[in-house]
């Protein structure tokens, strides 16, 4: 269920509280929820995921992303959540795509090469083509 993007970043479709044990076994130290609350009737609420994660010592951060797209505050929040995690991170949304794209934007803003970002995402089964022009722009500025 978890797809490894880098040595320290995993992306996943919506998780339930039962996935916390798997995250813990992988050494995940922070879970990043990129899904807005109430997006679908069958999703486990962020508060439930947060409580289960914190109960076993895993940090939790919510950076919701709607289908409207990404904003600068979300990219900055993701960059911070990744940078100060202190270990492996699991980011999730409905399919894992928004989490991967937000990770990619955060890495590009930090100056990472877009080709490297795209290859890492592709290796996990995600395509960054929808944000590629933005990756190139952010990377050039970073």
C-alpha atoms as a PDB file:
ATOM      1  CA  UNK A   1       0.000   0.000   0.000  1.00  0.00           C
ATOM      2  CA  UNK A   2       2.820   2.445   0.811  1.00  0.00           C
ATOM      3  CA  UNK A   3       4.921   3.438  -2.188  1.00  0.00           C
ATOM      4  CA  UNK A   4       8.518   4.429  -1.511  1.00  0.00           C
ATOM      5  CA  UNK A   5       9.506   7.621  -3.344  1.00  0.00           C
ATOM      6  CA  UNK A   6      12.885   8.127  -1.654  1.00  0.00           C
ATOM      7  CA  UNK A   7      14.766   6.523   1.226  1.00  0.00           C
ATOM      8  CA  UNK A   8      12.755   8.642   3.655  1.00  0.00           C
ATOM      9  CA  UNK A   9       9.481   9.475   1.877  1.00  0.00           C
ATOM     10  CA  UNK A  10       6.509   7.229   1.219  1.00  0.00           C
ATOM     11  CA  UNK A  11       3.193   8.099  -0.421  1.00  0.00           C
ATOM     12  CA  UNK A  12      -0.056   6.235  -0.059  1.00  0.00           C
ATOM     13  CA  UNK A  13      -3.714   6.226  -0.920  1.00  0.00           C
ATOM     14  CA  UNK A  14      -6.071   6.915   2.002  1.00  0.00           C
ATOM     15  CA  UNK A  15      -5.007   5.018   5.104  1.00  0.00           C
ATOM     16  CA  UNK A  16      -7.022   3.746   8.020  1.00  0.00           C
ATOM     17  CA  UNK A  17      -5.967   3.350  11.615  1.00  0.00           C
ATOM     18  CA  UNK A  18      -4.941  -0.231  10.806  1.00  0.00           C
ATOM     19  CA  UNK A  19      -2.094   1.137   8.648  1.00  0.00           C
ATOM     20  CA  UNK A  20      -0.388   2.764  11.630  1.00  0.00           C
ATOM     21  CA  UNK A  21       1.275  -0.518  12.629  1.00  0.00           C
ATOM     22  CA  UNK A  22       2.736  -0.885   9.134  1.00  0.00           C
ATOM     23  CA  UNK A  23       3.986   2.712   9.269  1.00  0.00           C
ATOM     24  CA  UNK A  24       5.565   2.074  12.649  1.00  0.00           C
ATOM     25  CA  UNK A  25       7.247  -1.096  11.356  1.00  0.00           C
ATOM     26  CA  UNK A  26       8.824   0.937   8.535  1.00  0.00           C
ATOM     27  CA  UNK A  27      10.178   3.460  11.021  1.00  0.00           C
ATOM     28  CA  UNK A  28       7.832   6.249   9.919  1.00  0.00           C
ATOM     29  CA  UNK A  29       8.174   9.178  12.328  1.00  0.00           C
ATOM     30  CA  UNK A  30       5.615  11.537  10.761  1.00  0.00           C
ATOM     31  CA  UNK A  31       2.381  11.064   8.845  1.00  0.00           C
ATOM     32  CA  UNK A  32       1.319  13.915   6.573  1.00  0.00           C
ATOM     33  CA  UNK A  33      -2.362  14.024   5.671  1.00  0.00           C
ATOM     34  CA  UNK A  34      -2.881  15.812   2.347  1.00  0.00           C
ATOM     35  CA  UNK A  35      -6.578  14.982   2.118  1.00  0.00           C
ATOM     36  CA  UNK A  36      -9.273  17.500   3.064  1.00  0.00           C
ATOM     37  CA  UNK A  37     -11.735  16.279   5.668  1.00  0.00           C
ATOM     38  CA  UNK A  38     -15.050  15.074   4.281  1.00  0.00           C
ATOM     39  CA  UNK A  39     -13.790  14.584   0.734  1.00  0.00           C
ATOM     40  CA  UNK A  40     -15.622  11.262   0.610  1.00  0.00           C
ATOM     41  CA  UNK A  41     -17.961   9.394   2.924  1.00  0.00           C
ATOM     42  CA  UNK A  42     -15.671   6.377   3.222  1.00  0.00           C
ATOM     43  CA  UNK A  43     -12.483   8.120   4.329  1.00  0.00           C
ATOM     44  CA  UNK A  44     -11.109   7.717   7.829  1.00  0.00           C
ATOM     45  CA  UNK A  45     -11.051  11.091   9.558  1.00  0.00           C
ATOM     46  CA  UNK A  46      -7.768  12.830  10.149  1.00  0.00           C
ATOM     47  CA  UNK A  47      -8.494  13.020  13.869  1.00  0.00           C
ATOM     48  CA  UNK A  48      -8.702   9.218  14.043  1.00  0.00           C
ATOM     49  CA  UNK A  49      -5.449   8.788  12.119  1.00  0.00           C
ATOM     50  CA  UNK A  50      -3.764  11.429  14.280  1.00  0.00           C
ATOM     51  CA  UNK A  51      -4.876   9.780  17.534  1.00  0.00           C
ATOM     52  CA  UNK A  52      -3.721   6.322  16.397  1.00  0.00           C
ATOM     53  CA  UNK A  53      -0.385   7.692  15.171  1.00  0.00           C
ATOM     54  CA  UNK A  54       0.339   9.722  18.272  1.00  0.00           C
ATOM     55  CA  UNK A  55      -0.581   6.737  20.466  1.00  0.00           C
ATOM     56  CA  UNK A  56       2.470   4.905  19.082  1.00  0.00           C
ATOM     57  CA  UNK A  57       4.774   7.932  18.967  1.00  0.00           C
ATOM     58  CA  UNK A  58       4.312   8.951  15.326  1.00  0.00           C
ATOM     59  CA  UNK A  59       3.892  12.668  14.653  1.00  0.00           C
ATOM     60  CA  UNK A  60       0.987  13.860  12.491  1.00  0.00           C
ATOM     61  CA  UNK A  61       0.610  16.940  10.282  1.00  0.00           C
ATOM     62  CA  UNK A  62      -2.367  17.952   8.134  1.00  0.00           C
ATOM     63  CA  UNK A  63      -1.709  19.905   4.935  1.00  0.00           C
ATOM     64  CA  UNK A  64      -4.976  19.454   3.028  1.00  0.00           C
ATOM     65  CA  UNK A  65      -4.936  19.849  -0.744  1.00  0.00           C
ATOM     66  CA  UNK A  66      -8.166  20.118  -2.698  1.00  0.00           C
ATOM     67  CA  UNK A  67      -8.591  19.431  -6.397  1.00  0.00           C
ATOM     68  CA  UNK A  68      -8.303  23.200  -6.918  1.00  0.00           C
ATOM     69  CA  UNK A  69      -4.532  22.799  -6.896  1.00  0.00           C
ATOM     70  CA  UNK A  70      -1.525  23.809  -4.865  1.00  0.00           C
ATOM     71  CA  UNK A  71      -0.723  27.095  -3.170  1.00  0.00           C
ATOM     72  CA  UNK A  72       2.564  28.468  -1.943  1.00  0.00           C
ATOM     73  CA  UNK A  73       1.677  27.971   1.723  1.00  0.00           C
ATOM     74  CA  UNK A  74       1.058  24.263   1.072  1.00  0.00           C
ATOM     75  CA  UNK A  75       4.398  23.848  -0.700  1.00  0.00           C
ATOM     76  CA  UNK A  76       6.169  25.656   2.153  1.00  0.00           C
ATOM     77  CA  UNK A  77       4.320  23.622   4.800  1.00  0.00           C
ATOM     78  CA  UNK A  78       5.234  20.373   3.044  1.00  0.00           C
ATOM     79  CA  UNK A  79       8.880  21.420   2.770  1.00  0.00           C
ATOM     80  CA  UNK A  80       8.948  22.178   6.494  1.00  0.00           C
ATOM     81  CA  UNK A  81       7.135  18.952   7.409  1.00  0.00           C
ATOM     82  CA  UNK A  82       9.675  16.950   5.420  1.00  0.00           C
ATOM     83  CA  UNK A  83      12.732  18.890   6.590  1.00  0.00           C
ATOM     84  CA  UNK A  84      12.109  18.724  10.321  1.00  0.00           C
ATOM     85  CA  UNK A  85      10.644  15.211  10.509  1.00  0.00           C
ATOM     86  CA  UNK A  86      13.848  13.611  11.716  1.00  0.00           C
ATOM     87  CA  UNK A  87      13.180  10.352   9.901  1.00  0.00           C
ATOM     88  CA  UNK A  88      10.955   8.627   7.343  1.00  0.00           C
ATOM     89  CA  UNK A  89       7.642  10.243   6.433  1.00  0.00           C
ATOM     90  CA  UNK A  90       4.392   8.878   5.033  1.00  0.00           C
ATOM     91  CA  UNK A  91       2.186  11.300   3.099  1.00  0.00           C
ATOM     92  CA  UNK A  92      -1.294  10.254   2.033  1.00  0.00           C
ATOM     93  CA  UNK A  93      -4.339  11.531   0.151  1.00  0.00           C
ATOM     94  CA  UNK A  94      -7.058   9.768  -1.860  1.00  0.00           C
ATOM     95  CA  UNK A  95      -4.672   8.052  -4.270  1.00  0.00           C
ATOM     96  CA  UNK A  96      -1.225   9.278  -3.208  1.00  0.00           C
ATOM     97  CA  UNK A  97      -0.942  11.519  -6.264  1.00  0.00           C
ATOM     98  CA  UNK A  98      -1.554  14.871  -4.559  1.00  0.00           C
ATOM     99  CA  UNK A  99       0.898  13.894  -1.818  1.00  0.00           C
ATOM    100  CA  UNK A 100       3.525  13.003  -4.411  1.00  0.00           C
ATOM    101  CA  UNK A 101       2.960  16.171  -6.410  1.00  0.00           C
ATOM    102  CA  UNK A 102       3.186  18.311  -3.267  1.00  0.00           C
ATOM    103  CA  UNK A 103       6.389  16.484  -2.257  1.00  0.00           C
ATOM    104  CA  UNK A 104       7.760  17.161  -5.756  1.00  0.00           C
ATOM    105  CA  UNK A 105       6.935  20.871  -5.563  1.00  0.00           C
ATOM    106  CA  UNK A 106       8.542  21.155  -2.133  1.00  0.00           C
ATOM    107  CA  UNK A 107      11.711  19.440  -3.366  1.00  0.00           C
ATOM    108  CA  UNK A 108      11.847  21.642  -6.477  1.00  0.00           C
ATOM    109  CA  UNK A 109      11.452  24.777  -4.387  1.00  0.00           C
ATOM    110  CA  UNK A 110      14.453  23.555  -2.409  1.00  0.00           C
ATOM    111  CA  UNK A 111      16.454  23.469  -5.643  1.00  0.00           C
ATOM    112  CA  UNK A 112      16.393  19.754  -6.428  1.00  0.00           C
ATOM    113  CA  UNK A 113      16.723  18.821 -10.099  1.00  0.00           C
ATOM    114  CA  UNK A 114      13.284  18.222 -11.706  1.00  0.00           C
ATOM    115  CA  UNK A 115      14.632  15.186 -13.575  1.00  0.00           C
ATOM    116  CA  UNK A 116      15.688  13.591 -10.287  1.00  0.00           C
ATOM    117  CA  UNK A 117      12.308  14.406  -8.741  1.00  0.00           C
ATOM    118  CA  UNK A 118      10.427  12.976 -11.727  1.00  0.00           C
ATOM    119  CA  UNK A 119      12.512   9.780 -11.688  1.00  0.00           C
ATOM    120  CA  UNK A 120      11.893   9.231  -7.961  1.00  0.00           C
ATOM    121  CA  UNK A 121       8.153   9.750  -8.378  1.00  0.00           C
ATOM    122  CA  UNK A 122       8.071   7.487 -11.440  1.00  0.00           C
ATOM    123  CA  UNK A 123       9.872   4.774  -9.517  1.00  0.00           C
ATOM    124  CA  UNK A 124       6.995   4.796  -7.034  1.00  0.00           C
ATOM    125  CA  UNK A 125       4.405   4.732  -9.816  1.00  0.00           C
ATOM    126  CA  UNK A 126       3.490   8.428  -9.807  1.00  0.00           C
ATOM    127  CA  UNK A 127       3.671  10.904 -12.684  1.00  0.00           C
ATOM    128  CA  UNK A 128       4.659  14.536 -12.015  1.00  0.00           C
ATOM    129  CA  UNK A 129       3.802  15.691 -15.551  1.00  0.00           C
ATOM    130  CA  UNK A 130       0.807  17.760 -14.335  1.00  0.00           C
ATOM    131  CA  UNK A 131       3.157  20.019 -12.342  1.00  0.00           C
ATOM    132  CA  UNK A 132       6.313  19.718 -14.441  1.00  0.00           C
ATOM    133  CA  UNK A 133       6.368  23.354 -15.632  1.00  0.00           C
ATOM    134  CA  UNK A 134       6.022  24.494 -12.035  1.00  0.00           C
ATOM    135  CA  UNK A 135       8.777  22.100 -10.940  1.00  0.00           C
ATOM    136  CA  UNK A 136      11.109  23.597 -13.527  1.00  0.00           C
ATOM    137  CA  UNK A 137      10.264  27.135 -12.420  1.00  0.00           C
ATOM    138  CA  UNK A 138      10.616  26.431  -8.698  1.00  0.00           C
ATOM    139  CA  UNK A 139      13.863  24.542  -9.171  1.00  0.00           C
ATOM    140  CA  UNK A 140      15.356  27.402 -11.168  1.00  0.00           C
ATOM    141  CA  UNK A 141      14.496  29.818  -8.360  1.00  0.00           C
ATOM    142  CA  UNK A 142      15.665  27.454  -5.583  1.00  0.00           C
END
